[in-house]
Structures are given as C-alpha cells and as structure tokens.
Amino acid sequence: IAAREGTAELSRTLRRTLEGLVLFLLPVTAGSVVLALPV
C-alpha cells in the first residue's frame, strides 16, 4: 500500500486495524489483570 497507493490508503487500513485491536485487547487486558491469580 505504501509503495503503490500512498499514505491516505495506509492511514485508512491502520484505522481499521486499530479499531479491531481496541475491541479485542481492552477486555483481554482487563481480564488478565483481574484473573491473574486463578490463571
């Protein structure tokens, strides 16, 4: 993308990736902290 389509498309792809990371990693982080001892 960076080589052929430029920074605008790269920014759009990063934005979609970031949204997925936010949805997945925030609850996983909270669960890991709270459940550390039983895990």
Full PDB file with SEQRES, HELIX, SHEET, SSBOND, CRYST1, ORIGX, SCALE, CONECT and MASTER records, all heavy atoms in Angstrom:
SEQRES   1 A   39  ILE ALA ALA ARG GLU GLY THR ALA GLU LEU SER ARG THR          
SEQRES   2 A   39  LEU ARG ARG THR LEU GLU GLY LEU VAL LEU PHE LEU LEU          
SEQRES   3 A   39  PRO VAL THR ALA GLY SER VAL VAL LEU ALA LEU PRO VAL          
HELIX    1 AA1 THR A    7  VAL A   34  1                                  28    
CRYST1    1.000    1.000    1.000  90.00  90.00  90.00 P 1           1          
ORIGX1      1.000000  0.000000  0.000000        0.00000                         
ORIGX2      0.000000  1.000000  0.000000        0.00000                         
ORIGX3      0.000000  0.000000  1.000000        0.00000                         
SCALE1      1.000000  0.000000  0.000000        0.00000                         
SCALE2      0.000000  1.000000  0.000000        0.00000                         
SCALE3      0.000000  0.000000  1.000000        0.00000                         
ATOM      1  N   ILE A   1       0.830  -1.205   0.000  1.00  0.00           N  
ATOM      2  CA  ILE A   1       0.000   0.000   0.000  1.00  0.00           C  
ATOM      3  C   ILE A   1       0.865   1.256   0.000  1.00  0.00           C  
ATOM      4  O   ILE A   1       0.628   2.202  -0.766  1.00  0.00           O  
ATOM      5  CB  ILE A   1      -0.947  -0.002   1.220  1.00  0.00           C  
ATOM      6  CG1 ILE A   1      -2.031  -1.056   1.042  1.00  0.00           C  
ATOM      7  CG2 ILE A   1      -1.588   1.369   1.414  1.00  0.00           C  
ATOM      8  CD1 ILE A   1      -2.931  -1.200   2.248  1.00  0.00           C  
ATOM      9  N   ALA A   2       1.883   1.296   0.856  1.00  0.00           N  
ATOM     10  CA  ALA A   2       2.748   2.466   0.954  1.00  0.00           C  
ATOM     11  C   ALA A   2       3.484   2.724  -0.355  1.00  0.00           C  
ATOM     12  O   ALA A   2       3.689   3.870  -0.749  1.00  0.00           O  
ATOM     13  CB  ALA A   2       3.739   2.288   2.091  1.00  0.00           C  
ATOM     14  N   ALA A   3       3.866   1.638  -1.053  1.00  0.00           N  
ATOM     15  CA  ALA A   3       4.630   1.790  -2.290  1.00  0.00           C  
ATOM     16  C   ALA A   3       3.754   2.151  -3.485  1.00  0.00           C  
ATOM     17  O   ALA A   3       4.189   2.878  -4.378  1.00  0.00           O  
ATOM     18  CB  ALA A   3       5.392   0.494  -2.587  1.00  0.00           C  
ATOM     19  N   ARG A   4       2.497   1.680  -3.494  1.00  0.00           N  
ATOM     20  CA  ARG A   4       1.684   1.810  -4.702  1.00  0.00           C  
ATOM     21  C   ARG A   4       0.485   2.741  -4.560  1.00  0.00           C  
ATOM     22  O   ARG A   4       0.026   3.323  -5.540  1.00  0.00           O  
ATOM     23  CB  ARG A   4       1.178   0.427  -5.127  1.00  0.00           C  
ATOM     24  CG  ARG A   4       2.303  -0.569  -5.392  1.00  0.00           C  
ATOM     25  CD  ARG A   4       1.768  -1.975  -5.601  1.00  0.00           C  
ATOM     26  NE  ARG A   4       2.833  -2.972  -5.649  1.00  0.00           N  
ATOM     27  CZ  ARG A   4       2.639  -4.283  -5.716  1.00  0.00           C  
ATOM     28  NH1 ARG A   4       1.401  -4.754  -5.751  1.00  0.00           N  
ATOM     29  NH2 ARG A   4       3.671  -5.110  -5.754  1.00  0.00           N  
ATOM     30  N   GLU A   5      -0.057   2.888  -3.334  1.00  0.00           N  
ATOM     31  CA  GLU A   5      -1.299   3.644  -3.181  1.00  0.00           C  
ATOM     32  C   GLU A   5      -1.166   4.888  -2.308  1.00  0.00           C  
ATOM     33  O   GLU A   5      -2.081   5.702  -2.273  1.00  0.00           O  
ATOM     34  CB  GLU A   5      -2.396   2.729  -2.602  1.00  0.00           C  
ATOM     35  CG  GLU A   5      -2.682   1.522  -3.479  1.00  0.00           C  
ATOM     36  CD  GLU A   5      -3.779   0.644  -2.903  1.00  0.00           C  
ATOM     37  OE1 GLU A   5      -4.795   1.188  -2.443  1.00  0.00           O  
ATOM     38  OE2 GLU A   5      -3.614  -0.585  -2.907  1.00  0.00           O  
ATOM     39  N   GLY A   6      -0.072   5.017  -1.576  1.00  0.00           N  
ATOM     40  CA  GLY A   6       0.167   6.234  -0.822  1.00  0.00           C  
ATOM     41  C   GLY A   6      -0.329   6.195   0.608  1.00  0.00           C  
ATOM     42  O   GLY A   6      -0.912   5.217   1.079  1.00  0.00           O  
ATOM     43  N   THR A   7      -0.099   7.315   1.306  1.00  0.00           N  
ATOM     44  CA  THR A   7      -0.344   7.360   2.746  1.00  0.00           C  
ATOM     45  C   THR A   7      -1.829   7.404   3.104  1.00  0.00           C  
ATOM     46  O   THR A   7      -2.213   6.976   4.192  1.00  0.00           O  
ATOM     47  CB  THR A   7       0.362   8.577   3.359  1.00  0.00           C  
ATOM     48  OG1 THR A   7      -0.103   9.771   2.714  1.00  0.00           O  
ATOM     49  CG2 THR A   7       1.873   8.467   3.195  1.00  0.00           C  
ATOM     50  N   ALA A   8      -2.679   7.922   2.203  1.00  0.00           N  
ATOM     51  CA  ALA A   8      -4.106   8.007   2.525  1.00  0.00           C  
ATOM     52  C   ALA A   8      -4.706   6.609   2.714  1.00  0.00           C  
ATOM     53  O   ALA A   8      -5.447   6.359   3.677  1.00  0.00           O  
ATOM     54  CB  ALA A   8      -4.857   8.764   1.428  1.00  0.00           C  
ATOM     55  N   GLU A   9      -4.387   5.696   1.805  1.00  0.00           N  
ATOM     56  CA  GLU A   9      -4.894   4.324   1.929  1.00  0.00           C  
ATOM     57  C   GLU A   9      -4.250   3.606   3.107  1.00  0.00           C  
ATOM     58  O   GLU A   9      -4.905   2.818   3.793  1.00  0.00           O  
ATOM     59  CB  GLU A   9      -4.616   3.556   0.632  1.00  0.00           C  
ATOM     60  CG  GLU A   9      -5.129   2.126   0.617  1.00  0.00           C  
ATOM     61  CD  GLU A   9      -6.641   2.027   0.757  1.00  0.00           C  
ATOM     62  OE1 GLU A   9      -7.332   3.018   0.454  1.00  0.00           O  
ATOM     63  OE2 GLU A   9      -7.116   0.941   1.174  1.00  0.00           O  
ATOM     64  N   LEU A  10      -2.972   3.873   3.359  1.00  0.00           N  
ATOM     65  CA  LEU A  10      -2.306   3.279   4.515  1.00  0.00           C  
ATOM     66  C   LEU A  10      -2.975   3.747   5.803  1.00  0.00           C  
ATOM     67  O   LEU A  10      -3.192   2.953   6.727  1.00  0.00           O  
ATOM     68  CB  LEU A  10      -0.825   3.651   4.520  1.00  0.00           C  
ATOM     69  CG  LEU A  10      -0.005   3.116   5.701  1.00  0.00           C  
ATOM     70  CD1 LEU A  10      -0.014   1.596   5.724  1.00  0.00           C  
ATOM     71  CD2 LEU A  10       1.430   3.639   5.641  1.00  0.00           C  
ATOM     72  N   SER A  11      -3.316   5.022   5.864  1.00  0.00           N  
ATOM     73  CA  SER A  11      -3.986   5.554   7.049  1.00  0.00           C  
ATOM     74  C   SER A  11      -5.341   4.884   7.255  1.00  0.00           C  
ATOM     75  O   SER A  11      -5.711   4.541   8.385  1.00  0.00           O  
ATOM     76  CB  SER A  11      -4.166   7.071   6.906  1.00  0.00           C  
ATOM     77  OG  SER A  11      -4.842   7.608   8.022  1.00  0.00           O  
ATOM     78  N   ARG A  12      -6.077   4.653   6.183  1.00  0.00           N  
ATOM     79  CA  ARG A  12      -7.383   4.005   6.303  1.00  0.00           C  
ATOM     80  C   ARG A  12      -7.241   2.573   6.807  1.00  0.00           C  
ATOM     81  O   ARG A  12      -8.004   2.120   7.670  1.00  0.00           O  
ATOM     82  CB  ARG A  12      -8.085   4.002   4.935  1.00  0.00           C  
ATOM     83  CG  ARG A  12      -9.532   3.514   4.981  1.00  0.00           C  
ATOM     84  CD  ARG A  12     -10.134   3.516   3.584  1.00  0.00           C  
ATOM     85  NE  ARG A  12      -9.567   2.449   2.783  1.00  0.00           N  
ATOM     86  CZ  ARG A  12     -10.010   1.191   2.779  1.00  0.00           C  
ATOM     87  NH1 ARG A  12     -11.024   0.845   3.554  1.00  0.00           N  
ATOM     88  NH2 ARG A  12      -9.451   0.279   2.004  1.00  0.00           N  
ATOM     89  N   THR A  13      -6.241   1.854   6.296  1.00  0.00           N  
ATOM     90  CA  THR A  13      -6.005   0.476   6.736  1.00  0.00           C  
ATOM     91  C   THR A  13      -5.592   0.433   8.205  1.00  0.00           C  
ATOM     92  O   THR A  13      -6.049  -0.429   8.966  1.00  0.00           O  
ATOM     93  CB  THR A  13      -4.918  -0.179   5.864  1.00  0.00           C  
ATOM     94  OG1 THR A  13      -5.305  -0.099   4.483  1.00  0.00           O  
ATOM     95  CG2 THR A  13      -4.723  -1.632   6.240  1.00  0.00           C  
ATOM     96  N   LEU A  14      -4.737   1.351   8.614  1.00  0.00           N  
ATOM     97  CA  LEU A  14      -4.309   1.409  10.016  1.00  0.00           C  
ATOM     98  C   LEU A  14      -5.492   1.721  10.930  1.00  0.00           C  
ATOM     99  O   LEU A  14      -5.587   1.189  12.043  1.00  0.00           O  
ATOM    100  CB  LEU A  14      -3.225   2.475  10.190  1.00  0.00           C  
ATOM    101  CG  LEU A  14      -1.833   2.125   9.669  1.00  0.00           C  
ATOM    102  CD1 LEU A  14      -0.930   3.351   9.702  1.00  0.00           C  
ATOM    103  CD2 LEU A  14      -1.223   1.003  10.497  1.00  0.00           C  
ATOM    104  N   ARG A  15      -6.388   2.570  10.462  1.00  0.00           N  
ATOM    105  CA  ARG A  15      -7.549   2.943  11.277  1.00  0.00           C  
ATOM    106  C   ARG A  15      -8.439   1.721  11.527  1.00  0.00           C  
ATOM    107  O   ARG A  15      -8.901   1.491  12.646  1.00  0.00           O  
ATOM    108  CB  ARG A  15      -8.335   4.053  10.564  1.00  0.00           C  
ATOM    109  CG  ARG A  15      -9.370   4.751  11.436  1.00  0.00           C  
ATOM    110  CD  ARG A  15     -10.027   5.891  10.676  1.00  0.00           C  
ATOM    111  NE  ARG A  15      -9.050   6.908  10.296  1.00  0.00           N  
ATOM    112  CZ  ARG A  15      -8.735   7.231   9.048  1.00  0.00           C  
ATOM    113  NH1 ARG A  15      -9.320   6.611   8.032  1.00  0.00           N  
ATOM    114  NH2 ARG A  15      -7.851   8.167   8.796  1.00  0.00           N  
ATOM    115  N   ARG A  16      -8.657   0.929  10.499  1.00  0.00           N  
ATOM    116  CA  ARG A  16      -9.478  -0.271  10.657  1.00  0.00           C  
ATOM    117  C   ARG A  16      -8.783  -1.300  11.545  1.00  0.00           C  
ATOM    118  O   ARG A  16      -9.427  -1.980  12.365  1.00  0.00           O  
ATOM    119  CB  ARG A  16      -9.778  -0.871   9.286  1.00  0.00           C  
ATOM    120  CG  ARG A  16     -10.647   0.024   8.400  1.00  0.00           C  
ATOM    121  CD  ARG A  16     -10.854  -0.577   7.033  1.00  0.00           C  
ATOM    122  NE  ARG A  16     -11.616  -1.830   7.099  1.00  0.00           N  
ATOM    123  CZ  ARG A  16     -11.878  -2.587   6.045  1.00  0.00           C  
ATOM    124  NH1 ARG A  16     -11.437  -2.219   4.844  1.00  0.00           N  
ATOM    125  NH2 ARG A  16     -12.576  -3.690   6.171  1.00  0.00           N  
ATOM    126  N   THR A  17      -7.468  -1.419  11.400  1.00  0.00           N  
ATOM    127  CA  THR A  17      -6.717  -2.338  12.252  1.00  0.00           C  
ATOM    128  C   THR A  17      -6.771  -1.903  13.706  1.00  0.00           C  
ATOM    129  O   THR A  17      -6.964  -2.724  14.617  1.00  0.00           O  
ATOM    130  CB  THR A  17      -5.247  -2.409  11.792  1.00  0.00           C  
ATOM    131  OG1 THR A  17      -5.195  -2.755  10.402  1.00  0.00           O  
ATOM    132  CG2 THR A  17      -4.477  -3.441  12.594  1.00  0.00           C  
ATOM    133  N   LEU A  18      -6.615  -0.604  13.940  1.00  0.00           N  
ATOM    134  CA  LEU A  18      -6.647  -0.072  15.300  1.00  0.00           C  
ATOM    135  C   LEU A  18      -8.000  -0.322  15.954  1.00  0.00           C  
ATOM    136  O   LEU A  18      -8.077  -0.648  17.150  1.00  0.00           O  
ATOM    137  CB  LEU A  18      -6.333   1.424  15.277  1.00  0.00           C  
ATOM    138  CG  LEU A  18      -6.350   2.155  16.618  1.00  0.00           C  
ATOM    139  CD1 LEU A  18      -5.390   1.508  17.606  1.00  0.00           C  
ATOM    140  CD2 LEU A  18      -6.012   3.633  16.424  1.00  0.00           C  
ATOM    141  N   GLU A  19      -9.072  -0.183  15.196  1.00  0.00           N  
ATOM    142  CA  GLU A  19     -10.403  -0.437  15.755  1.00  0.00           C  
ATOM    143  C   GLU A  19     -10.521  -1.882  16.219  1.00  0.00           C  
ATOM    144  O   GLU A  19     -11.075  -2.157  17.299  1.00  0.00           O  
ATOM    145  CB  GLU A  19     -11.471  -0.130  14.706  1.00  0.00           C  
ATOM    146  CG  GLU A  19     -12.889  -0.327  15.217  1.00  0.00           C  
ATOM    147  CD  GLU A  19     -13.948   0.029  14.181  1.00  0.00           C  
ATOM    148  OE1 GLU A  19     -13.584   0.612  13.143  1.00  0.00           O  
ATOM    149  OE2 GLU A  19     -15.130  -0.278  14.416  1.00  0.00           O  
ATOM    150  N   GLY A  20     -10.004  -2.810  15.426  1.00  0.00           N  
ATOM    151  CA  GLY A  20     -10.049  -4.213  15.830  1.00  0.00           C  
ATOM    152  C   GLY A  20      -9.229  -4.478  17.076  1.00  0.00           C  
ATOM    153  O   GLY A  20      -9.653  -5.215  17.974  1.00  0.00           O  
ATOM    154  N   LEU A  21      -8.044  -3.868  17.172  1.00  0.00           N  
ATOM    155  CA  LEU A  21      -7.205  -4.047  18.353  1.00  0.00           C  
ATOM    156  C   LEU A  21      -7.873  -3.495  19.605  1.00  0.00           C  
ATOM    157  O   LEU A  21      -7.799  -4.096  20.683  1.00  0.00           O  
ATOM    158  CB  LEU A  21      -5.846  -3.371  18.147  1.00  0.00           C  
ATOM    159  CG  LEU A  21      -4.892  -4.031  17.146  1.00  0.00           C  
ATOM    160  CD1 LEU A  21      -3.620  -3.217  17.007  1.00  0.00           C  
ATOM    161  CD2 LEU A  21      -4.548  -5.452  17.573  1.00  0.00           C  
ATOM    162  N   VAL A  22      -8.532  -2.349  19.466  1.00  0.00           N  
ATOM    163  CA  VAL A  22      -9.232  -1.760  20.609  1.00  0.00           C  
ATOM    164  C   VAL A  22     -10.311  -2.712  21.111  1.00  0.00           C  
ATOM    165  O   VAL A  22     -10.431  -2.965  22.316  1.00  0.00           O  
ATOM    166  CB  VAL A  22      -9.832  -0.402  20.214  1.00  0.00           C  
ATOM    167  CG1 VAL A  22     -10.855   0.061  21.251  1.00  0.00           C  
ATOM    168  CG2 VAL A  22      -8.732   0.651  20.073  1.00  0.00           C  
ATOM    169  N   LEU A  23     -11.100  -3.260  20.189  1.00  0.00           N  
ATOM    170  CA  LEU A  23     -12.206  -4.136  20.577  1.00  0.00           C  
ATOM    171  C   LEU A  23     -11.712  -5.407  21.263  1.00  0.00           C  
ATOM    172  O   LEU A  23     -12.342  -5.896  22.205  1.00  0.00           O  
ATOM    173  CB  LEU A  23     -13.044  -4.502  19.349  1.00  0.00           C  
ATOM    174  CG  LEU A  23     -13.886  -3.381  18.728  1.00  0.00           C  
ATOM    175  CD1 LEU A  23     -14.591  -3.878  17.475  1.00  0.00           C  
ATOM    176  CD2 LEU A  23     -14.914  -2.867  19.733  1.00  0.00           C  
ATOM    177  N   PHE A  24     -10.584  -5.947  20.808  1.00  0.00           N  
ATOM    178  CA  PHE A  24     -10.105  -7.218  21.346  1.00  0.00           C  
ATOM    179  C   PHE A  24      -9.232  -7.056  22.585  1.00  0.00           C  
ATOM    180  O   PHE A  24      -9.366  -7.804  23.549  1.00  0.00           O  
ATOM    181  CB  PHE A  24      -9.319  -7.982  20.275  1.00  0.00           C  
ATOM    182  CG  PHE A  24     -10.180  -8.755  19.329  1.00  0.00           C  
ATOM    183  CD1 PHE A  24     -10.442  -8.279  18.055  1.00  0.00           C  
ATOM    184  CD2 PHE A  24     -10.744  -9.959  19.709  1.00  0.00           C  
ATOM    185  CE1 PHE A  24     -11.250  -8.982  17.172  1.00  0.00           C  
ATOM    186  CE2 PHE A  24     -11.548 -10.678  18.848  1.00  0.00           C  
ATOM    187  CZ  PHE A  24     -11.808 -10.190  17.571  1.00  0.00           C  
ATOM    188  N   LEU A  25      -8.323  -6.080  22.561  1.00  0.00           N  
ATOM    189  CA  LEU A  25      -7.283  -6.050  23.583  1.00  0.00           C  
ATOM    190  C   LEU A  25      -7.707  -5.392  24.888  1.00  0.00           C  
ATOM    191  O   LEU A  25      -7.172  -5.735  25.949  1.00  0.00           O  
ATOM    192  CB  LEU A  25      -6.038  -5.349  23.025  1.00  0.00           C  
ATOM    193  CG  LEU A  25      -5.303  -6.125  21.933  1.00  0.00           C  
ATOM    194  CD1 LEU A  25      -4.114  -5.329  21.427  1.00  0.00           C  
ATOM    195  CD2 LEU A  25      -4.839  -7.480  22.445  1.00  0.00           C  
ATOM    196  N   LEU A  26      -8.634  -4.453  24.851  1.00  0.00           N  
ATOM    197  CA  LEU A  26      -9.064  -3.826  26.101  1.00  0.00           C  
ATOM    198  C   LEU A  26      -9.691  -4.842  27.067  1.00  0.00           C  
ATOM    199  O   LEU A  26      -9.301  -4.906  28.245  1.00  0.00           O  
ATOM    200  CB  LEU A  26     -10.024  -2.674  25.822  1.00  0.00           C  
ATOM    201  CG  LEU A  26      -9.398  -1.394  25.263  1.00  0.00           C  
ATOM    202  CD1 LEU A  26     -10.459  -0.324  25.058  1.00  0.00           C  
ATOM    203  CD2 LEU A  26      -8.302  -0.872  26.180  1.00  0.00           C  
ATOM    204  N   PRO A  27     -10.650  -5.666  26.631  1.00  0.00           N  
ATOM    205  CA  PRO A  27     -11.204  -6.653  27.572  1.00  0.00           C  
ATOM    206  C   PRO A  27     -10.196  -7.725  27.967  1.00  0.00           C  
ATOM    207  O   PRO A  27     -10.223  -8.208  29.103  1.00  0.00           O  
ATOM    208  CB  PRO A  27     -12.379  -7.258  26.796  1.00  0.00           C  
ATOM    209  CG  PRO A  27     -12.038  -7.058  25.368  1.00  0.00           C  
ATOM    210  CD  PRO A  27     -11.335  -5.730  25.328  1.00  0.00           C  
ATOM    211  N   VAL A  28      -9.311  -8.104  27.053  1.00  0.00           N  
ATOM    212  CA  VAL A  28      -8.305  -9.111  27.384  1.00  0.00           C  
ATOM    213  C   VAL A  28      -7.353  -8.576  28.450  1.00  0.00           C  
ATOM    214  O   VAL A  28      -6.975  -9.292  29.385  1.00  0.00           O  
ATOM    215  CB  VAL A  28      -7.533  -9.535  26.117  1.00  0.00           C  
ATOM    216  CG1 VAL A  28      -6.347 -10.412  26.484  1.00  0.00           C  
ATOM    217  CG2 VAL A  28      -8.454 -10.279  25.164  1.00  0.00           C  
ATOM    218  N   THR A  29      -6.972  -7.318  28.320  1.00  0.00           N  
ATOM    219  CA  THR A  29      -6.103  -6.708  29.331  1.00  0.00           C  
ATOM    220  C   THR A  29      -6.791  -6.698  30.694  1.00  0.00           C  
ATOM    221  O   THR A  29      -6.199  -7.087  31.710  1.00  0.00           O  
ATOM    222  CB  THR A  29      -5.741  -5.267  28.919  1.00  0.00           C  
ATOM    223  OG1 THR A  29      -5.018  -5.307  27.682  1.00  0.00           O  
ATOM    224  CG2 THR A  29      -4.884  -4.597  29.975  1.00  0.00           C  
ATOM    225  N   ALA A  30      -8.049  -6.252  30.726  1.00  0.00           N  
ATOM    226  CA  ALA A  30      -8.786  -6.202  31.995  1.00  0.00           C  
ATOM    227  C   ALA A  30      -8.935  -7.596  32.592  1.00  0.00           C  
ATOM    228  O   ALA A  30      -8.725  -7.804  33.804  1.00  0.00           O  
ATOM    229  CB  ALA A  30     -10.160  -5.572  31.773  1.00  0.00           C  
ATOM    230  N   GLY A  31      -9.295  -8.583  31.765  1.00  0.00           N  
ATOM    231  CA  GLY A  31      -9.453  -9.940  32.259  1.00  0.00           C  
ATOM    232  C   GLY A  31      -8.157 -10.531  32.780  1.00  0.00           C  
ATOM    233  O   GLY A  31      -8.142 -11.229  33.804  1.00  0.00           O  
ATOM    234  N   SER A  32      -7.032 -10.250  32.106  1.00  0.00           N  
ATOM    235  CA  SER A  32      -5.740 -10.772  32.546  1.00  0.00           C  
ATOM    236  C   SER A  32      -5.337 -10.200  33.901  1.00  0.00           C  
ATOM    237  O   SER A  32      -4.778 -10.909  34.742  1.00  0.00           O  
ATOM    238  CB  SER A  32      -4.662 -10.454  31.503  1.00  0.00           C  
ATOM    239  OG  SER A  32      -4.960 -11.061  30.260  1.00  0.00           O  
ATOM    240  N   VAL A  33      -5.610  -8.918  34.104  1.00  0.00           N  
ATOM    241  CA  VAL A  33      -5.253  -8.285  35.378  1.00  0.00           C  
ATOM    242  C   VAL A  33      -6.110  -8.837  36.511  1.00  0.00           C  
ATOM    243  O   VAL A  33      -5.608  -9.217  37.576  1.00  0.00           O  
ATOM    244  CB  VAL A  33      -5.395  -6.755  35.276  1.00  0.00           C  
ATOM    245  CG1 VAL A  33      -5.214  -6.102  36.643  1.00  0.00           C  
ATOM    246  CG2 VAL A  33      -4.379  -6.186  34.282  1.00  0.00           C  
ATOM    247  N   VAL A  34      -7.429  -8.907  36.296  1.00  0.00           N  
ATOM    248  CA  VAL A  34      -8.339  -9.326  37.359  1.00  0.00           C  
ATOM    249  C   VAL A  34      -8.185 -10.810  37.675  1.00  0.00           C  
ATOM    250  O   VAL A  34      -8.216 -11.226  38.850  1.00  0.00           O  
ATOM    251  CB  VAL A  34      -9.799  -8.999  36.980  1.00  0.00           C  
ATOM    252  CG1 VAL A  34     -10.766  -9.544  38.031  1.00  0.00           C  
ATOM    253  CG2 VAL A  34      -9.979  -7.495  36.829  1.00  0.00           C  
ATOM    254  N   LEU A  35      -7.991 -11.637  36.652  1.00  0.00           N  
ATOM    255  CA  LEU A  35      -7.946 -13.098  36.839  1.00  0.00           C  
ATOM    256  C   LEU A  35      -6.521 -13.643  36.925  1.00  0.00           C  
ATOM    257  O   LEU A  35      -6.319 -14.848  36.758  1.00  0.00           O  
ATOM    258  CB  LEU A  35      -8.679 -13.786  35.688  1.00  0.00           C  
ATOM    259  CG  LEU A  35     -10.155 -13.439  35.506  1.00  0.00           C  
ATOM    260  CD1 LEU A  35     -10.721 -14.152  34.280  1.00  0.00           C  
ATOM    261  CD2 LEU A  35     -10.954 -13.798  36.752  1.00  0.00           C  
ATOM    262  N   ALA A  36      -5.550 -12.789  37.204  1.00  0.00           N  
ATOM    263  CA  ALA A  36      -4.151 -13.221  37.194  1.00  0.00           C  
ATOM    264  C   ALA A  36      -3.906 -14.395  38.130  1.00  0.00           C  
ATOM    265  O   ALA A  36      -3.255 -15.379  37.757  1.00  0.00           O  
ATOM    266  CB  ALA A  36      -3.238 -12.043  37.559  1.00  0.00           C  
ATOM    267  N   LEU A  37      -4.430 -14.319  39.352  1.00  0.00           N  
ATOM    268  CA  LEU A  37      -4.151 -15.371  40.334  1.00  0.00           C  
ATOM    269  C   LEU A  37      -4.737 -16.723  39.922  1.00  0.00           C  
ATOM    270  O   LEU A  37      -4.014 -17.733  39.903  1.00  0.00           O  
ATOM    271  CB  LEU A  37      -4.662 -14.960  41.708  1.00  0.00           C  
ATOM    272  CG  LEU A  37      -4.334 -15.921  42.860  1.00  0.00           C  
ATOM    273  CD1 LEU A  37      -2.822 -16.072  43.006  1.00  0.00           C  
ATOM    274  CD2 LEU A  37      -4.949 -15.427  44.165  1.00  0.00           C  
ATOM    275  N   PRO A  38      -6.032 -16.822  39.588  1.00  0.00           N  
ATOM    276  CA  PRO A  38      -6.539 -18.133  39.156  1.00  0.00           C  
ATOM    277  C   PRO A  38      -5.909 -18.642  37.871  1.00  0.00           C  
ATOM    278  O   PRO A  38      -5.696 -19.854  37.714  1.00  0.00           O  
ATOM    279  CB  PRO A  38      -8.054 -17.900  38.990  1.00  0.00           C  
ATOM    280  CG  PRO A  38      -8.241 -16.437  38.934  1.00  0.00           C  
ATOM    281  CD  PRO A  38      -7.123 -15.834  39.713  1.00  0.00           C  
ATOM    282  N   VAL A  39      -5.564 -17.745  36.939  1.00  0.00           N  
ATOM    283  CA  VAL A  39      -4.938 -18.183  35.690  1.00  0.00           C  
ATOM    284  C   VAL A  39      -3.581 -18.824  35.962  1.00  0.00           C  
ATOM    285  O   VAL A  39      -3.280 -19.923  35.482  1.00  0.00           O  
ATOM    286  CB  VAL A  39      -4.801 -16.996  34.710  1.00  0.00           C  
ATOM    287  CG1 VAL A  39      -3.873 -17.362  33.551  1.00  0.00           C  
ATOM    288  CG2 VAL A  39      -6.166 -16.592  34.162  1.00  0.00           C  
TER     289      VAL A  39                                                      
MASTER        0    0    0    1    0    0    0    6  288    1    0    3          
END                                                                             
